[in-house]
Amino acid sequence: MYEIMLDAELSKAFDVWSGYLNARTGEDPEVRAQLGALLESARTAAAEGDPAYARTLLGEMYDEARDAGLAFAPVEPDPCAADCQTRDYAKDELRQVLPLQLREDLDSVALYLRVTGRRLRAAPGLDAATREDILYVCARAGMALDLAHLTAARRELERLEAIARRCGVEP
């Protein structure tokens, strides 16, 4: 599962950069050529089994574009947005790998987590420590779901429901 997520993360970045480089933005052609060369090197590194180097090259691309002031170049997404985009890319591949019942169970847990988490975050009067606990449990549950670890995801859902009951929020 983890490798599928890593592959999806790289695929998403490759697609974003390819789309940008294929667009005619009128920006500095020399810098765009450098970015194109970095993208091809990153693709090669990934294809040769070195995703860490591919990620390093992608990071250099974001830095180069920012330093050159390319107004239309992709910007590095914040961690939450990056995770959402990666999950979106990975979902098709996961459908081919995971059994139907496991996918349905994971989707069910994910739905309950979103609803319970949203209700808790909207609850008035929660102290900072409780809000931190909510974020922590939701993050752990997200990791379990990303790794398709149903038992761990259910355990985190139970922890979130316990927090909800303690706060007087319907889970």
Protein backbone atom coordinates (compact mmCIF):
# COMPACT_ATOMS: atom_id res chain seq x y z
CA MET A 1 0.00 0.00 0.00
CA TYR A 2 2.76 2.38 0.98
CA GLU A 3 4.49 1.91 -2.35
CA ILE A 4 1.25 2.59 -4.20
CA MET A 5 0.92 5.87 -2.30
CA LEU A 6 4.52 6.82 -3.09
CA ASP A 7 4.01 6.03 -6.77
CA ALA A 8 0.81 8.09 -6.79
CA GLU A 9 2.61 11.03 -5.17
CA LEU A 10 5.26 11.02 -7.89
CA SER A 11 2.73 10.47 -10.69
CA LYS A 12 0.69 13.43 -9.53
CA ALA A 13 3.74 15.70 -9.46
CA PHE A 14 4.89 14.47 -12.87
CA ASP A 15 1.46 15.16 -14.36
CA VAL A 16 1.25 18.63 -12.82
CA TRP A 17 4.68 19.62 -14.08
CA SER A 18 4.09 18.09 -17.51
CA GLY A 19 0.88 20.05 -17.86
CA TYR A 20 2.64 23.26 -16.93
CA LEU A 21 5.59 22.67 -19.24
CA ASN A 22 3.29 21.79 -22.15
CA ALA A 23 1.30 25.01 -21.70
CA ARG A 24 2.39 28.09 -23.59
CA THR A 25 2.72 30.63 -20.80
CA GLY A 26 5.23 33.01 -22.39
CA GLU A 27 7.57 32.61 -19.42
CA ASP A 28 11.37 32.37 -19.65
CA PRO A 29 12.08 29.57 -22.14
CA GLU A 30 15.54 28.90 -20.70
CA VAL A 31 14.19 28.26 -17.22
CA ARG A 32 11.37 26.17 -18.64
CA ALA A 33 13.97 24.08 -20.52
CA GLN A 34 15.88 23.54 -17.26
CA LEU A 35 12.65 22.48 -15.56
CA GLY A 36 11.92 20.08 -18.42
CA ALA A 37 15.35 18.50 -18.02
CA LEU A 38 14.83 18.15 -14.26
CA LEU A 39 11.43 16.55 -14.87
CA GLU A 40 12.90 13.99 -17.26
CA SER A 41 15.67 13.22 -14.74
CA ALA A 42 13.06 12.77 -12.02
CA ARG A 43 11.02 10.43 -14.23
CA THR A 44 14.16 8.42 -15.02
CA ALA A 45 15.09 8.17 -11.34
CA ALA A 46 11.60 6.94 -10.47
CA ALA A 47 11.62 4.41 -13.32
CA GLU A 48 15.02 3.12 -12.16
CA GLY A 49 13.72 2.55 -8.63
CA ASP A 50 15.07 5.67 -6.90
CA PRO A 51 11.96 7.55 -5.75
CA ALA A 52 13.92 9.49 -3.11
CA TYR A 53 16.11 11.07 -5.79
CA ALA A 54 13.04 11.73 -7.94
CA ARG A 55 11.46 13.61 -5.01
CA THR A 56 14.67 15.60 -4.52
CA LEU A 57 14.60 16.63 -8.19
CA LEU A 58 10.95 17.62 -7.93
CA GLY A 59 11.81 19.77 -4.92
CA GLU A 60 14.51 21.45 -7.00
CA MET A 61 11.92 22.15 -9.67
CA TYR A 62 9.68 23.98 -7.22
CA ASP A 63 12.69 25.95 -5.96
CA GLU A 64 13.88 26.84 -9.48
CA ALA A 65 10.42 28.02 -10.53
CA ARG A 66 10.02 30.10 -7.39
CA ASP A 67 13.49 31.64 -7.70
CA ALA A 68 12.88 32.49 -11.36
CA GLY A 69 9.56 34.13 -10.48
CA LEU A 70 7.52 32.02 -12.88
CA ALA A 71 4.01 33.24 -12.17
CA PHE A 72 2.19 30.26 -13.65
CA ALA A 73 4.46 27.48 -12.39
CA PRO A 74 3.05 24.93 -9.96
CA VAL A 75 3.56 25.66 -6.30
CA GLU A 76 4.26 22.93 -3.80
CA PRO A 77 0.98 22.00 -2.12
CA ASP A 78 0.68 22.13 1.64
CA PRO A 79 0.89 18.71 3.33
CA CYS A 80 -2.87 18.28 3.68
CA ALA A 81 -3.58 19.17 0.05
CA ALA A 82 -0.70 16.95 -1.10
CA ASP A 83 -2.14 14.00 0.83
CA CYS A 84 -5.61 14.55 -0.63
CA GLN A 85 -4.22 14.74 -4.16
CA THR A 86 -2.11 11.64 -3.62
CA ARG A 87 -5.08 9.68 -2.28
CA ASP A 88 -7.06 10.76 -5.34
CA TYR A 89 -4.32 9.48 -7.63
CA ALA A 90 -3.94 6.23 -5.71
CA LYS A 91 -7.62 5.30 -5.52
CA ASP A 92 -7.78 3.77 -9.00
CA GLU A 93 -4.75 1.59 -8.39
CA LEU A 94 -6.02 0.56 -4.97
CA ARG A 95 -9.28 -0.61 -6.56
CA GLN A 96 -7.28 -3.11 -8.58
CA VAL A 97 -5.27 -4.39 -5.62
CA LEU A 98 -7.67 -4.49 -2.67
CA PRO A 99 -10.56 -6.95 -2.33
CA LEU A 100 -14.00 -5.39 -2.67
CA GLN A 101 -15.07 -6.10 0.94
CA LEU A 102 -11.92 -4.48 2.35
CA ARG A 103 -12.42 -1.39 0.16
CA GLU A 104 -16.04 -1.09 1.33
CA ASP A 105 -15.04 -1.50 4.98
CA LEU A 106 -12.27 1.11 4.63
CA ASP A 107 -14.68 3.51 2.89
CA SER A 108 -17.21 3.02 5.69
CA VAL A 109 -14.64 3.78 8.39
CA ALA A 110 -13.44 6.82 6.40
CA LEU A 111 -17.00 8.16 6.18
CA TYR A 112 -17.63 7.72 9.91
CA LEU A 113 -14.30 9.40 10.67
CA ARG A 114 -15.13 12.41 8.49
CA VAL A 115 -18.59 12.84 9.98
CA THR A 116 -17.52 12.36 13.60
CA GLY A 117 -14.44 14.55 13.13
CA ARG A 118 -16.53 17.31 11.53
CA ARG A 119 -19.08 17.18 14.36
CA LEU A 120 -16.33 17.37 16.96
CA ARG A 121 -14.53 20.26 15.26
CA ALA A 122 -17.83 22.17 15.12
CA ALA A 123 -18.57 21.57 18.80
CA PRO A 124 -18.43 24.75 20.90
CA GLY A 125 -16.32 25.06 24.01
CA LEU A 126 -13.66 22.44 23.36
CA ASP A 127 -10.35 23.13 25.02
CA ALA A 128 -7.05 23.17 23.12
CA ALA A 129 -5.96 19.76 24.44
CA THR A 130 -9.18 18.11 23.24
CA ARG A 131 -8.87 19.75 19.82
CA GLU A 132 -5.28 18.48 19.64
CA ASP A 133 -6.46 14.97 20.55
CA ILE A 134 -9.06 15.11 17.79
CA LEU A 135 -6.49 16.15 15.20
CA TYR A 136 -4.06 13.50 16.40
CA VAL A 137 -6.59 10.66 16.29
CA CYS A 138 -7.87 11.76 12.87
CA ALA A 139 -4.31 11.84 11.54
CA ARG A 140 -3.58 8.36 12.88
CA ALA A 141 -6.81 7.09 11.35
CA GLY A 142 -5.86 8.69 8.03
CA MET A 143 -2.53 6.91 8.06
CA ALA A 144 -4.20 3.60 8.84
CA LEU A 145 -6.63 4.12 5.96
CA ASP A 146 -3.77 5.05 3.61
CA LEU A 147 -2.09 1.77 4.47
CA ALA A 148 -5.39 -0.15 4.20
CA HIS A 149 -5.02 -1.31 7.80
CA LEU A 150 -8.67 -1.81 8.71
CA THR A 151 -8.07 -2.91 12.32
CA ALA A 152 -5.99 0.18 13.12
CA ALA A 153 -8.48 2.48 11.37
CA ARG A 154 -11.37 1.01 13.39
CA ARG A 155 -9.37 1.39 16.60
CA GLU A 156 -8.80 5.09 15.85
CA LEU A 157 -12.49 5.52 15.00
CA GLU A 158 -13.36 4.04 18.39
CA ARG A 159 -10.95 6.49 20.06
CA LEU A 160 -12.58 9.39 18.20
CA GLU A 161 -16.07 8.19 19.19
CA ALA A 162 -14.92 8.02 22.84
CA ILE A 163 -13.77 11.64 22.61
CA ALA A 164 -17.12 12.56 21.06
CA ARG A 165 -19.07 10.87 23.88
CA ARG A 166 -16.86 12.57 26.48
CA CYS A 167 -17.62 15.94 24.84
CA GLY A 168 -21.34 15.29 24.55
CA VAL A 169 -21.25 15.06 20.76
CA GLU A 170 -23.17 12.37 18.94
CA PRO A 171 -20.62 10.11 17.17
